[in-house]
Protein backbone atom coordinates (compact mmCIF):
# COMPACT_ATOMS: atom_id res chain seq x y z
CA MET A 1 -28.17 9.47 20.78
CA HIS A 2 -26.04 9.60 17.66
CA LYS A 3 -26.36 8.90 13.97
CA VAL A 4 -25.33 5.43 12.79
CA SER A 5 -21.88 5.39 11.11
CA SER A 6 -21.34 3.61 7.75
CA ALA A 7 -19.47 0.72 9.41
CA ASP A 8 -22.17 0.36 12.08
CA GLN A 9 -24.81 0.57 9.36
CA GLU A 10 -23.27 -2.39 7.51
CA GLN A 11 -23.12 -4.47 10.72
CA LEU A 12 -26.67 -3.48 11.54
CA ILE A 13 -27.95 -4.55 8.12
CA GLN A 14 -26.17 -7.92 8.40
CA LEU A 15 -27.71 -8.39 11.84
CA TRP A 16 -31.21 -7.54 10.60
CA GLN A 17 -30.84 -9.99 7.73
CA SER A 18 -29.83 -12.89 9.98
CA ALA A 19 -32.09 -12.37 13.02
CA LYS A 20 -34.72 -14.92 14.04
CA ASN A 21 -37.64 -12.49 13.83
CA ARG A 22 -36.16 -10.13 11.27
CA LEU A 23 -38.08 -7.79 9.04
CA GLN A 24 -38.12 -10.56 6.48
CA TYR A 25 -39.60 -8.87 3.44
CA LEU A 26 -37.35 -5.82 3.46
CA THR A 27 -34.72 -5.58 0.75
CA GLN A 28 -31.10 -4.55 1.26
CA ASN A 29 -32.04 -1.13 -0.11
CA ASP A 30 -34.96 -0.83 2.32
CA LEU A 31 -32.66 -1.62 5.23
CA VAL A 32 -30.15 1.02 4.12
CA LEU A 33 -32.92 3.65 3.93
CA ILE A 34 -34.20 2.75 7.41
CA ALA A 35 -30.71 2.54 8.96
CA ASP A 36 -29.97 6.00 7.55
CA LYS A 37 -32.83 7.42 9.64
CA ALA A 38 -31.88 5.51 12.81
CA LYS A 39 -30.07 6.86 15.84
CA GLN A 40 -27.98 4.53 18.00
CA LEU A 41 -28.81 4.39 21.71
CA THR A 42 -27.37 2.40 24.60
CA PHE A 43 -29.58 1.23 27.46
CA LYS A 44 -28.07 0.05 30.73
CA LYS A 45 -29.38 -3.03 32.53
CA GLY A 46 -32.76 -2.17 34.05
CA GLU A 47 -33.47 0.81 31.78
CA ARG A 48 -36.77 0.83 29.93
CA LEU A 49 -36.97 1.17 26.18
CA VAL A 50 -40.76 1.50 26.28
CA GLU A 51 -43.21 1.64 29.14
CA GLN A 52 -46.69 0.11 29.13
CA GLY A 53 -49.35 2.79 28.85
CA LYS A 54 -46.98 5.48 27.58
CA GLN A 55 -46.46 6.69 24.03
CA ALA A 56 -42.86 7.14 22.94
CA LYS A 57 -43.32 7.61 19.14
CA VAL A 58 -40.13 5.59 18.58
CA LEU A 59 -39.62 2.14 17.07
CA TYR A 60 -36.49 0.28 18.17
CA LEU A 61 -34.46 -2.26 16.25
CA LEU A 62 -32.26 -4.15 18.67
CA GLY A 63 -28.55 -4.40 17.93
CA THR A 64 -27.12 -6.20 20.96
CA GLY A 65 -28.37 -7.51 24.29
CA LYS A 66 -31.62 -8.97 25.54
CA VAL A 67 -34.84 -7.18 26.43
CA SER A 68 -37.58 -8.50 28.71
CA VAL A 69 -41.14 -7.80 27.58
CA VAL A 70 -43.64 -7.54 30.45
CA VAL A 71 -47.39 -6.92 30.42
CA SER A 72 -49.02 -6.00 33.74
CA GLY A 73 -46.15 -7.54 35.71
CA THR A 74 -45.98 -10.82 33.74
CA GLN A 75 -43.06 -11.52 31.43
CA ILE A 76 -44.43 -12.60 28.07
CA ALA A 77 -41.29 -12.60 25.95
CA GLN A 78 -37.60 -11.98 25.67
CA ILE A 79 -36.32 -10.35 22.51
CA GLY A 80 -32.83 -9.84 21.21
CA PRO A 81 -30.61 -8.67 18.37
CA GLY A 82 -32.36 -8.00 15.09
CA GLU A 83 -35.83 -7.88 16.63
CA THR A 84 -38.17 -4.90 16.91
CA CYS A 85 -39.55 -3.21 19.98
CA GLY A 86 -42.39 -0.69 20.12
CA GLU A 87 -43.99 -1.90 16.91
CA MET A 88 -47.48 -2.41 18.34
CA GLY A 89 -47.71 1.21 19.49
CA PHE A 90 -46.42 2.25 16.07
CA LEU A 91 -48.98 0.15 14.20
CA GLU A 92 -51.86 1.35 16.35
CA ASP A 93 -50.60 4.94 16.77
CA SER A 94 -51.18 4.33 20.44
CA VAL A 95 -49.52 3.78 23.79
CA ALA A 96 -47.19 0.86 24.46
CA SER A 97 -48.96 -2.42 25.22
CA ALA A 98 -45.99 -3.70 27.26
CA THR A 99 -42.91 -2.57 29.12
CA ALA A 100 -39.60 -3.49 27.50
CA THR A 101 -36.63 -3.47 29.89
CA ALA A 102 -32.95 -4.09 29.15
CA GLU A 103 -31.80 -7.31 30.86
CA GLN A 104 -28.20 -6.34 30.13
CA GLU A 105 -26.58 -3.50 28.24
CA VAL A 106 -28.55 -3.10 25.02
CA LYS A 107 -27.61 -1.23 21.87
CA ALA A 108 -30.70 -0.25 19.97
CA TYR A 109 -31.42 1.76 16.87
CA ALA A 110 -34.24 4.23 17.35
CA ILE A 111 -36.38 5.39 14.46
CA GLU A 112 -38.88 8.11 15.20
CA TRP A 113 -42.35 7.51 13.81
CA PRO A 114 -42.41 10.70 11.69
CA ALA A 115 -39.14 9.65 9.99
CA LEU A 116 -40.64 6.26 9.14
CA HIS A 117 -43.83 7.85 7.84
CA ASP A 118 -41.75 10.20 5.66
CA LEU A 119 -39.87 7.21 4.21
CA PHE A 120 -43.15 5.41 3.53
CA GLU A 121 -44.53 8.44 1.68
CA LEU A 122 -41.44 8.56 -0.53
CA PHE A 123 -41.22 4.78 -1.01
CA PRO A 124 -44.69 3.16 -0.83
CA HIS A 125 -43.30 -0.29 -1.67
CA LEU A 126 -40.97 -0.02 1.34
CA ALA A 127 -44.03 0.66 3.49
CA SER A 128 -45.79 -2.41 2.09
CA ARG A 129 -42.79 -4.68 2.78
CA PHE A 130 -42.27 -3.14 6.24
CA TYR A 131 -45.88 -3.64 7.35
CA ARG A 132 -45.94 -7.16 5.90
CA SER A 133 -42.77 -8.00 7.85
CA LEU A 134 -44.25 -6.63 11.09
CA ALA A 135 -47.46 -8.59 10.52
CA LEU A 136 -45.47 -11.79 10.05
CA ASN A 137 -43.45 -11.17 13.23
CA LEU A 138 -46.56 -10.45 15.28
CA SER A 139 -48.25 -13.56 13.88
CA ARG A 140 -45.23 -15.66 14.90
CA ARG A 141 -45.24 -14.18 18.40
CA LEU A 142 -48.96 -14.88 18.77
CA ARG A 143 -48.47 -18.45 17.56
CA GLU A 144 -45.64 -18.95 20.12
CA GLN A 145 -47.93 -17.64 22.88
CA ILE A 146 -50.72 -20.03 21.84
CA VAL A 147 -48.38 -23.03 21.71
CA SER A 148 -46.87 -22.17 25.09
CA LYS A 149 -50.33 -21.82 26.68
CA GLN A 150 -51.40 -25.17 25.24
CA SER A 151 -48.28 -26.90 26.52
CA GLY A 152 -48.44 -25.14 29.90
CA LYS A 153 -44.99 -23.61 29.42
CA LYS A 154 -44.02 -20.06 30.22
CA THR A 155 -42.91 -18.14 27.13
CA PRO A 156 -39.84 -15.93 27.29
């Protein structure tokens, strides 16, 4: 695990701003503050970022690669660059509700919960925009699940 370089930080911010399920309400400044606290990790195919029922106290922002999200043996989603992983455990201060496994090599940016909480204490408006962005992403995911159930399709 290593600190994110300036060049990587710029690429990461561009990625977060263009991703499908990005943290939409965060400003450029917010992203810089978060990226500064992040550590870059690489997961090999088959490695788990989070494991259902376990608490990792880390939120991941995906940089490259695809991650399979599985609950009790059933794949419910596939997430990729610019998306978050581990946010439900973070929001609930609880264990992971799903297992997230790298489908290929994945570069992810890990932010430990205490570092995020420290940022939120210093910058309350950042916290507000962050939580609003997570709420929007979770709402979209829930809506996709509902639509897929109604149409009889599998969601990933």
